[in-house]
PDB file of N, CA and C in Angstrom:
ATOM      1  N   MET A   1     -17.243  44.177  43.070  1.00  0.00           N
ATOM      2  CA  MET A   1     -16.918  42.735  42.843  1.00  0.00           C
ATOM      3  C   MET A   1     -18.036  42.067  41.994  1.00  0.00           C
ATOM      4  N   PHE A   2     -19.294  42.522  42.250  1.00  0.00           N
ATOM      5  CA  PHE A   2     -20.348  42.028  41.491  1.00  0.00           C
ATOM      6  C   PHE A   2     -20.218  42.286  40.073  1.00  0.00           C
ATOM      7  N   SER A   3     -19.853  43.439  39.751  1.00  0.00           N
ATOM      8  CA  SER A   3     -19.634  43.782  38.376  1.00  0.00           C
ATOM      9  C   SER A   3     -18.597  43.006  37.747  1.00  0.00           C
ATOM     10  N   LEU A   4     -17.521  42.663  38.424  1.00  0.00           N
ATOM     11  CA  LEU A   4     -16.428  41.980  37.961  1.00  0.00           C
ATOM     12  C   LEU A   4     -16.807  40.527  37.629  1.00  0.00           C
ATOM     13  N   GLN A   5     -17.726  39.975  38.450  1.00  0.00           N
ATOM     14  CA  GLN A   5     -18.145  38.623  38.209  1.00  0.00           C
ATOM     15  C   GLN A   5     -19.010  38.614  36.934  1.00  0.00           C
ATOM     16  N   GLN A   6     -19.923  39.666  36.691  1.00  0.00           N
ATOM     17  CA  GLN A   6     -20.735  39.678  35.655  1.00  0.00           C
ATOM     18  C   GLN A   6     -19.801  39.833  34.359  1.00  0.00           C
ATOM     19  N   GLN A   7     -18.743  40.581  34.487  1.00  0.00           N
ATOM     20  CA  GLN A   7     -17.814  40.542  33.265  1.00  0.00           C
ATOM     21  C   GLN A   7     -17.137  39.248  32.999  1.00  0.00           C
ATOM     22  N   LEU A   8     -16.812  38.631  34.080  1.00  0.00           N
ATOM     23  CA  LEU A   8     -16.047  37.381  33.892  1.00  0.00           C
ATOM     24  C   LEU A   8     -16.960  36.199  33.439  1.00  0.00           C
ATOM     25  N   ALA A   9     -18.183  36.152  33.789  1.00  0.00           N
ATOM     26  CA  ALA A   9     -19.144  35.105  33.447  1.00  0.00           C
ATOM     27  C   ALA A   9     -19.154  34.928  31.951  1.00  0.00           C
ATOM     28  N   PRO A  10     -19.375  36.018  31.175  1.00  0.00           N
ATOM     29  CA  PRO A  10     -19.481  35.694  29.714  1.00  0.00           C
ATOM     30  C   PRO A  10     -18.187  35.195  29.077  1.00  0.00           C
ATOM     31  N   THR A  11     -17.061  35.780  29.576  1.00  0.00           N
ATOM     32  CA  THR A  11     -15.773  35.200  29.016  1.00  0.00           C
ATOM     33  C   THR A  11     -15.586  33.868  29.425  1.00  0.00           C
ATOM     34  N   ALA A  12     -15.857  33.431  30.652  1.00  0.00           N
ATOM     35  CA  ALA A  12     -15.827  32.082  31.074  1.00  0.00           C
ATOM     36  C   ALA A  12     -16.632  31.159  30.166  1.00  0.00           C
ATOM     37  N   ALA A  13     -17.912  31.582  29.916  1.00  0.00           N
ATOM     38  CA  ALA A  13     -18.841  30.912  29.042  1.00  0.00           C
ATOM     39  C   ALA A  13     -18.119  30.789  27.579  1.00  0.00           C
ATOM     40  N   ALA A  14     -17.551  31.839  27.106  1.00  0.00           N
ATOM     41  CA  ALA A  14     -16.870  31.853  25.737  1.00  0.00           C
ATOM     42  C   ALA A  14     -15.731  30.855  25.739  1.00  0.00           C
ATOM     43  N   THR A  15     -15.026  30.872  26.786  1.00  0.00           N
ATOM     44  CA  THR A  15     -13.879  29.905  26.794  1.00  0.00           C
ATOM     45  C   THR A  15     -14.293  28.441  26.863  1.00  0.00           C
ATOM     46  N   ALA A  16     -15.372  28.332  27.585  1.00  0.00           N
ATOM     47  CA  ALA A  16     -15.991  26.856  27.666  1.00  0.00           C
ATOM     48  C   ALA A  16     -16.383  26.428  26.375  1.00  0.00           C
ATOM     49  N   THR A  17     -17.115  27.288  25.674  1.00  0.00           N
ATOM     50  CA  THR A  17     -17.663  26.827  24.308  1.00  0.00           C
ATOM     51  C   THR A  17     -16.546  26.665  23.355  1.00  0.00           C
ATOM     52  N   ALA A  18     -15.469  27.682  23.554  1.00  0.00           N
ATOM     53  CA  ALA A  18     -14.372  27.505  22.568  1.00  0.00           C
ATOM     54  C   ALA A  18     -13.575  26.095  22.852  1.00  0.00           C
ATOM     55  N   ALA A  19     -13.538  25.730  24.251  1.00  0.00           N
ATOM     56  CA  ALA A  19     -12.800  24.541  24.476  1.00  0.00           C
ATOM     57  C   ALA A  19     -13.571  23.363  23.909  1.00  0.00           C
ATOM     58  N   ALA A  20     -15.012  23.411  24.085  1.00  0.00           N
ATOM     59  CA  ALA A  20     -15.862  22.324  23.607  1.00  0.00           C
ATOM     60  C   ALA A  20     -15.650  22.338  22.107  1.00  0.00           C
ATOM     61  N   ALA A  21     -15.700  23.412  21.370  1.00  0.00           N
ATOM     62  CA  ALA A  21     -15.373  23.395  19.897  1.00  0.00           C
ATOM     63  C   ALA A  21     -14.043  22.915  19.616  1.00  0.00           C
ATOM     64  N   GLY A  22     -13.200  23.139  20.456  1.00  0.00           N
ATOM     65  CA  GLY A  22     -11.835  22.529  20.228  1.00  0.00           C
ATOM     66  C   GLY A  22     -11.863  21.001  20.192  1.00  0.00           C
ATOM     67  N   THR A  23     -12.604  20.506  21.166  1.00  0.00           N
ATOM     68  CA  THR A  23     -12.582  18.916  21.270  1.00  0.00           C
ATOM     69  C   THR A  23     -13.341  18.490  20.153  1.00  0.00           C
ATOM     70  N   VAL A  24     -14.401  19.119  19.629  1.00  0.00           N
ATOM     71  CA  VAL A  24     -15.031  18.638  18.441  1.00  0.00           C
ATOM     72  C   VAL A  24     -14.068  18.636  17.249  1.00  0.00           C
ATOM     73  N   ALA A  25     -13.416  19.780  17.097  1.00  0.00           N
ATOM     74  CA  ALA A  25     -12.481  19.907  16.046  1.00  0.00           C
ATOM     75  C   ALA A  25     -11.404  18.833  16.107  1.00  0.00           C
ATOM     76  N   THR A  26     -10.855  18.552  17.257  1.00  0.00           N
ATOM     77  CA  THR A  26      -9.794  17.581  17.282  1.00  0.00           C
ATOM     78  C   THR A  26     -10.401  16.126  17.032  1.00  0.00           C
ATOM     79  N   ALA A  27     -11.671  15.958  17.428  1.00  0.00           N
ATOM     80  CA  ALA A  27     -12.320  14.619  17.053  1.00  0.00           C
ATOM     81  C   ALA A  27     -12.413  14.532  15.490  1.00  0.00           C
ATOM     82  N   GLU A  28     -12.803  15.591  14.945  1.00  0.00           N
ATOM     83  CA  GLU A  28     -12.954  15.525  13.429  1.00  0.00           C
ATOM     84  C   GLU A  28     -11.541  15.354  12.817  1.00  0.00           C
ATOM     85  N   GLU A  29     -10.603  16.001  13.456  1.00  0.00           N
ATOM     86  CA  GLU A  29      -9.261  15.895  12.854  1.00  0.00           C
ATOM     87  C   GLU A  29      -8.771  14.383  12.949  1.00  0.00           C
ATOM     88  N   GLN A  30      -9.074  13.827  14.135  1.00  0.00           N
ATOM     89  CA  GLN A  30      -8.616  12.474  14.335  1.00  0.00           C
ATOM     90  C   GLN A  30      -9.247  11.505  13.335  1.00  0.00           C
ATOM     91  N   GLN A  31     -10.481  11.750  13.082  1.00  0.00           N
ATOM     92  CA  GLN A  31     -11.193  10.951  12.096  1.00  0.00           C
ATOM     93  C   GLN A  31     -10.500  11.058  10.772  1.00  0.00           C
ATOM     94  N   GLN A  32     -10.216  12.393  10.352  1.00  0.00           N
ATOM     95  CA  GLN A  32      -9.512  12.543   9.092  1.00  0.00           C
ATOM     96  C   GLN A  32      -8.224  11.867   9.006  1.00  0.00           C
ATOM     97  N   GLN A  33      -7.570  11.968  10.078  1.00  0.00           N
ATOM     98  CA  GLN A  33      -6.225  11.446  10.172  1.00  0.00           C
ATOM     99  C   GLN A  33      -6.307   9.795  10.092  1.00  0.00           C
ATOM    100  N   GLN A  34      -7.352   9.297  10.647  1.00  0.00           N
ATOM    101  CA  GLN A  34      -7.512   7.916  10.740  1.00  0.00           C
ATOM    102  C   GLN A  34      -7.883   7.489   9.314  1.00  0.00           C
ATOM    103  N   GLN A  35      -8.785   8.256   8.613  1.00  0.00           N
ATOM    104  CA  GLN A  35      -9.095   7.891   7.261  1.00  0.00           C
ATOM    105  C   GLN A  35      -7.903   7.939   6.305  1.00  0.00           C
ATOM    106  N   GLN A  36      -7.059   9.024   6.490  1.00  0.00           N
ATOM    107  CA  GLN A  36      -5.969   9.234   5.643  1.00  0.00           C
ATOM    108  C   GLN A  36      -4.990   7.899   5.972  1.00  0.00           C
ATOM    109  N   GLN A  37      -4.805   7.574   7.147  1.00  0.00           N
ATOM    110  CA  GLN A  37      -3.937   6.412   7.604  1.00  0.00           C
ATOM    111  C   GLN A  37      -4.483   5.115   6.903  1.00  0.00           C
ATOM    112  N   GLN A  38      -5.765   5.007   6.903  1.00  0.00           N
ATOM    113  CA  GLN A  38      -6.464   3.804   6.383  1.00  0.00           C
ATOM    114  C   GLN A  38      -6.182   3.853   4.740  1.00  0.00           C
ATOM    115  N   GLN A  39      -6.328   4.962   4.297  1.00  0.00           N
ATOM    116  CA  GLN A  39      -6.163   5.121   2.715  1.00  0.00           C
ATOM    117  C   GLN A  39      -4.654   4.720   2.539  1.00  0.00           C
ATOM    118  N   GLN A  40      -3.707   5.234   3.219  1.00  0.00           N
ATOM    119  CA  GLN A  40      -2.297   4.897   3.088  1.00  0.00           C
ATOM    120  C   GLN A  40      -2.066   3.521   3.134  1.00  0.00           C
ATOM    121  N   GLN A  41      -2.705   2.894   4.164  1.00  0.00           N
ATOM    122  CA  GLN A  41      -2.603   1.497   4.343  1.00  0.00           C
ATOM    123  C   GLN A  41      -3.110   0.669   3.186  1.00  0.00           C
ATOM    124  N   GLN A  42      -4.190   1.116   2.725  1.00  0.00           N
ATOM    125  CA  GLN A  42      -4.785   0.487   1.445  1.00  0.00           C
ATOM    126  C   GLN A  42      -3.865   0.594   0.324  1.00  0.00           C
ATOM    127  N   GLN A  43      -3.410   1.818   0.079  1.00  0.00           N
ATOM    128  CA  GLN A  43      -2.428   2.048  -0.907  1.00  0.00           C
ATOM    129  C   GLN A  43      -1.227   1.159  -0.813  1.00  0.00           C
ATOM    130  N   LYS A  44      -0.704   1.020   0.314  1.00  0.00           N
ATOM    131  CA  LYS A  44       0.423   0.081   0.567  1.00  0.00           C
ATOM    132  C   LYS A  44       0.020  -1.324   0.304  1.00  0.00           C
ATOM    133  N   GLN A  45      -1.070  -1.745   0.700  1.00  0.00           N
ATOM    134  CA  GLN A  45      -1.582  -3.120   0.339  1.00  0.00           C
ATOM    135  C   GLN A  45      -1.640  -3.338  -1.094  1.00  0.00           C
ATOM    136  N   GLN A  46      -2.181  -2.272  -1.832  1.00  0.00           N
ATOM    137  CA  GLN A  46      -2.222  -2.354  -3.177  1.00  0.00           C
ATOM    138  C   GLN A  46      -0.969  -2.493  -3.864  1.00  0.00           C
ATOM    139  N   GLN A  47       0.076  -1.706  -3.420  1.00  0.00           N
ATOM    140  CA  GLN A  47       1.449  -1.729  -4.020  1.00  0.00           C
ATOM    141  C   GLN A  47       2.019  -3.161  -3.741  1.00  0.00           C
ATOM    142  N   GLN A  48       1.688  -3.724  -2.477  1.00  0.00           N
ATOM    143  CA  GLN A  48       2.222  -5.028  -2.160  1.00  0.00           C
ATOM    144  C   GLN A  48       1.703  -5.972  -3.223  1.00  0.00           C
ATOM    145  N   GLN A  49       0.419  -5.972  -3.441  1.00  0.00           N
ATOM    146  CA  GLN A  49      -0.250  -6.872  -4.360  1.00  0.00           C
ATOM    147  C   GLN A  49       0.419  -6.723  -5.748  1.00  0.00           C
ATOM    148  N   GLN A  50       0.599  -5.555  -6.123  1.00  0.00           N
ATOM    149  CA  GLN A  50       1.250  -5.364  -7.401  1.00  0.00           C
ATOM    150  C   GLN A  50       2.552  -5.946  -7.481  1.00  0.00           C
ATOM    151  N   GLN A  51       3.251  -5.768  -6.434  1.00  0.00           N
ATOM    152  CA  GLN A  51       4.615  -6.307  -6.398  1.00  0.00           C
ATOM    153  C   GLN A  51       4.620  -7.906  -6.415  1.00  0.00           C
ATOM    154  N   GLN A  52       3.719  -8.507  -5.699  1.00  0.00           N
ATOM    155  CA  GLN A  52       3.450  -9.855  -5.747  1.00  0.00           C
ATOM    156  C   GLN A  52       3.101 -10.383  -7.243  1.00  0.00           C
ATOM    157  N   HIS A  53       2.324  -9.633  -7.769  1.00  0.00           N
ATOM    158  CA  HIS A  53       1.818  -9.909  -9.153  1.00  0.00           C
ATOM    159  C   HIS A  53       3.012  -9.852 -10.178  1.00  0.00           C
ATOM    160  N   GLN A  54       3.829  -8.830  -9.971  1.00  0.00           N
ATOM    161  CA  GLN A  54       5.052  -8.779 -10.771  1.00  0.00           C
ATOM    162  C   GLN A  54       6.107  -9.896 -10.584  1.00  0.00           C
ATOM    163  N   GLN A  55       6.251 -10.283  -9.272  1.00  0.00           N
ATOM    164  CA  GLN A  55       7.050 -11.450  -8.950  1.00  0.00           C
ATOM    165  C   GLN A  55       6.448 -12.653  -9.639  1.00  0.00           C
ATOM    166  N   GLN A  56       5.126 -12.847  -9.617  1.00  0.00           N
ATOM    167  CA  GLN A  56       4.584 -14.049 -10.163  1.00  0.00           C
ATOM    168  C   GLN A  56       4.884 -14.076 -11.725  1.00  0.00           C
ATOM    169  N   GLN A  57       4.727 -12.805 -12.332  1.00  0.00           N
ATOM    170  CA  GLN A  57       5.025 -12.748 -13.823  1.00  0.00           C
ATOM    171  C   GLN A  57       6.553 -13.079 -14.000  1.00  0.00           C
ATOM    172  N   GLN A  58       7.353 -12.644 -13.209  1.00  0.00           N
ATOM    173  CA  GLN A  58       8.736 -12.887 -13.435  1.00  0.00           C
ATOM    174  C   GLN A  58       8.928 -14.415 -13.273  1.00  0.00           C
ATOM    175  N   GLN A  59       8.416 -15.112 -12.271  1.00  0.00           N
ATOM    176  CA  GLN A  59       8.556 -16.507 -12.085  1.00  0.00           C
ATOM    177  C   GLN A  59       8.031 -17.270 -13.365  1.00  0.00           C
ATOM    178  N   GLN A  60       6.887 -16.706 -13.977  1.00  0.00           N
ATOM    179  CA  GLN A  60       6.305 -17.365 -15.191  1.00  0.00           C
ATOM    180  C   GLN A  60       7.318 -17.213 -16.342  1.00  0.00           C
ATOM    181  N   GLN A  61       7.955 -16.076 -16.460  1.00  0.00           N
ATOM    182  CA  GLN A  61       8.839 -15.829 -17.465  1.00  0.00           C
ATOM    183  C   GLN A  61      10.059 -16.726 -17.252  1.00  0.00           C
ATOM    184  N   GLN A  62      10.567 -16.810 -16.157  1.00  0.00           N
ATOM    185  CA  GLN A  62      11.686 -17.740 -15.847  1.00  0.00           C
ATOM    186  C   GLN A  62      11.248 -19.229 -16.323  1.00  0.00           C
ATOM    187  N   GLN A  63      10.133 -19.669 -15.956  1.00  0.00           N
ATOM    188  CA  GLN A  63       9.686 -21.005 -16.227  1.00  0.00           C
ATOM    189  C   GLN A  63       9.677 -21.228 -17.832  1.00  0.00           C
ATOM    190  N   GLN A  64       9.222 -20.238 -18.429  1.00  0.00           N
ATOM    191  CA  GLN A  64       9.155 -20.143 -19.885  1.00  0.00           C
ATOM    192  C   GLN A  64      10.528 -20.239 -20.521  1.00  0.00           C
ATOM    193  N   GLN A  65      11.478 -19.579 -19.926  1.00  0.00           N
ATOM    194  CA  GLN A  65      12.908 -19.578 -20.315  1.00  0.00           C
ATOM    195  C   GLN A  65      13.455 -20.995 -20.126  1.00  0.00           C
ATOM    196  N   GLN A  66      13.128 -21.533 -19.100  1.00  0.00           N
ATOM    197  CA  GLN A  66      13.717 -22.976 -18.644  1.00  0.00           C
ATOM    198  C   GLN A  66      13.105 -23.889 -19.828  1.00  0.00           C
ATOM    199  N   GLN A  67      11.827 -23.798 -20.128  1.00  0.00           N
ATOM    200  CA  GLN A  67      11.202 -24.723 -21.069  1.00  0.00           C
ATOM    201  C   GLN A  67      11.869 -24.455 -22.360  1.00  0.00           C
ATOM    202  N   GLN A  68      12.136 -23.239 -22.745  1.00  0.00           N
ATOM    203  CA  GLN A  68      12.884 -22.970 -24.068  1.00  0.00           C
ATOM    204  C   GLN A  68      14.352 -23.564 -24.094  1.00  0.00           C
ATOM    205  N   GLN A  69      14.963 -23.571 -23.062  1.00  0.00           N
ATOM    206  CA  GLN A  69      16.338 -24.122 -22.828  1.00  0.00           C
ATOM    207  C   GLN A  69      16.226 -25.629 -22.997  1.00  0.00           C
ATOM    208  N   GLN A  70      15.179 -26.232 -22.431  1.00  0.00           N
ATOM    209  CA  GLN A  70      15.114 -27.622 -22.481  1.00  0.00           C
ATOM    210  C   GLN A  70      14.867 -28.053 -23.848  1.00  0.00           C
ATOM    211  N   GLN A  71      13.934 -27.272 -24.572  1.00  0.00           N
ATOM    212  CA  GLN A  71      13.711 -27.589 -26.015  1.00  0.00           C
ATOM    213  C   GLN A  71      14.988 -27.458 -26.811  1.00  0.00           C
ATOM    214  N   GLN A  72      15.776 -26.502 -26.600  1.00  0.00           N
ATOM    215  CA  GLN A  72      16.978 -26.354 -27.329  1.00  0.00           C
ATOM    216  C   GLN A  72      17.932 -27.447 -27.159  1.00  0.00           C
ATOM    217  N   GLN A  73      18.121 -27.916 -25.866  1.00  0.00           N
ATOM    218  CA  GLN A  73      18.896 -29.033 -25.538  1.00  0.00           C
ATOM    219  C   GLN A  73      18.478 -30.257 -26.260  1.00  0.00           C
ATOM    220  N   GLN A  74      17.172 -30.488 -26.286  1.00  0.00           N
ATOM    221  CA  GLN A  74      16.691 -31.631 -26.958  1.00  0.00           C
ATOM    222  C   GLN A  74      16.966 -31.656 -28.438  1.00  0.00           C
ATOM    223  N   GLN A  75      16.788 -30.425 -29.065  1.00  0.00           N
ATOM    224  CA  GLN A  75      17.085 -30.302 -30.503  1.00  0.00           C
ATOM    225  C   GLN A  75      18.549 -30.688 -30.743  1.00  0.00           C
ATOM    226  N   GLN A  76      19.371 -30.162 -29.875  1.00  0.00           N
ATOM    227  CA  GLN A  76      20.834 -30.421 -30.004  1.00  0.00           C
ATOM    228  C   GLN A  76      21.255 -31.873 -29.922  1.00  0.00           C
ATOM    229  N   GLN A  77      20.677 -32.453 -28.973  1.00  0.00           N
ATOM    230  CA  GLN A  77      20.899 -33.887 -28.777  1.00  0.00           C
ATOM    231  C   GLN A  77      20.446 -34.757 -30.074  1.00  0.00           C
ATOM    232  N   TYR A  78      19.233 -34.317 -30.606  1.00  0.00           N
ATOM    233  CA  TYR A  78      18.637 -35.037 -31.678  1.00  0.00           C
ATOM    234  C   TYR A  78      19.634 -34.805 -32.926  1.00  0.00           C
ATOM    235  N   LEU A  79      20.114 -33.568 -33.056  1.00  0.00           N
ATOM    236  CA  LEU A  79      21.080 -33.268 -34.147  1.00  0.00           C
ATOM    237  C   LEU A  79      22.407 -34.014 -34.086  1.00  0.00           C
ATOM    238  N   GLN A  80      22.877 -34.147 -32.879  1.00  0.00           N
ATOM    239  CA  GLN A  80      24.048 -34.932 -32.659  1.00  0.00           C
ATOM    240  C   GLN A  80      23.920 -36.398 -32.978  1.00  0.00           C
ATOM    241  N   PHE A  81      22.768 -36.786 -32.669  1.00  0.00           N
ATOM    242  CA  PHE A  81      22.410 -38.367 -32.989  1.00  0.00           C
ATOM    243  C   PHE A  81      22.372 -38.446 -34.422  1.00  0.00           C
ATOM    244  N   ARG A  82      21.774 -37.649 -35.124  1.00  0.00           N
ATOM    245  CA  ARG A  82      21.669 -37.715 -36.698  1.00  0.00           C
ATOM    246  C   ARG A  82      22.988 -37.668 -37.301  1.00  0.00           C
ATOM    247  N   VAL A  83      23.962 -36.739 -36.748  1.00  0.00           N
ATOM    248  CA  VAL A  83      25.241 -36.635 -37.270  1.00  0.00           C
ATOM    249  C   VAL A  83      25.905 -37.989 -36.968  1.00  0.00           C
ATOM    250  N   TYR A  84      25.754 -38.548 -35.848  1.00  0.00           N
ATOM    251  CA  TYR A  84      26.414 -39.860 -35.547  1.00  0.00           C
ATOM    252  C   TYR A  84      25.927 -40.954 -36.561  1.00  0.00           C
ATOM    253  N   LEU A  85      24.558 -40.951 -36.797  1.00  0.00           N
ATOM    254  CA  LEU A  85      24.060 -41.857 -37.716  1.00  0.00           C
ATOM    255  C   LEU A  85      24.674 -41.782 -39.150  1.00  0.00           C
ATOM    256  N   ILE A  86      24.785 -40.580 -39.463  1.00  0.00           N
ATOM    257  CA  ILE A  86      25.357 -40.318 -40.960  1.00  0.00           C
ATOM    258  C   ILE A  86      26.822 -40.914 -41.110  1.00  0.00           C
ATOM    259  N   TYR A  87      27.658 -40.747 -40.065  1.00  0.00           N
ATOM    260  CA  TYR A  87      28.979 -41.122 -40.108  1.00  0.00           C
ATOM    261  C   TYR A  87      28.938 -42.593 -39.893  1.00  0.00           C
TER     262      TYR A  87
END
């Protein structure tokens, strides 16, 4: 029995250290996962910001188009008025 305990003791110690090493590894893995998640979130935020920027550009383009349309309308009205004066 005594010899059995002597044989079991080192294996028990080995499993204990392995278990401890396992917890360290999982802690590191968790940190890595968290970092990856944070990076992904940052990327998502950047994408959202880019989308917002694109939307703003589109709005500006629309405003420019509206201004151009208004100018064209004014020119047409002016031409019609001149034609009326000639007649």
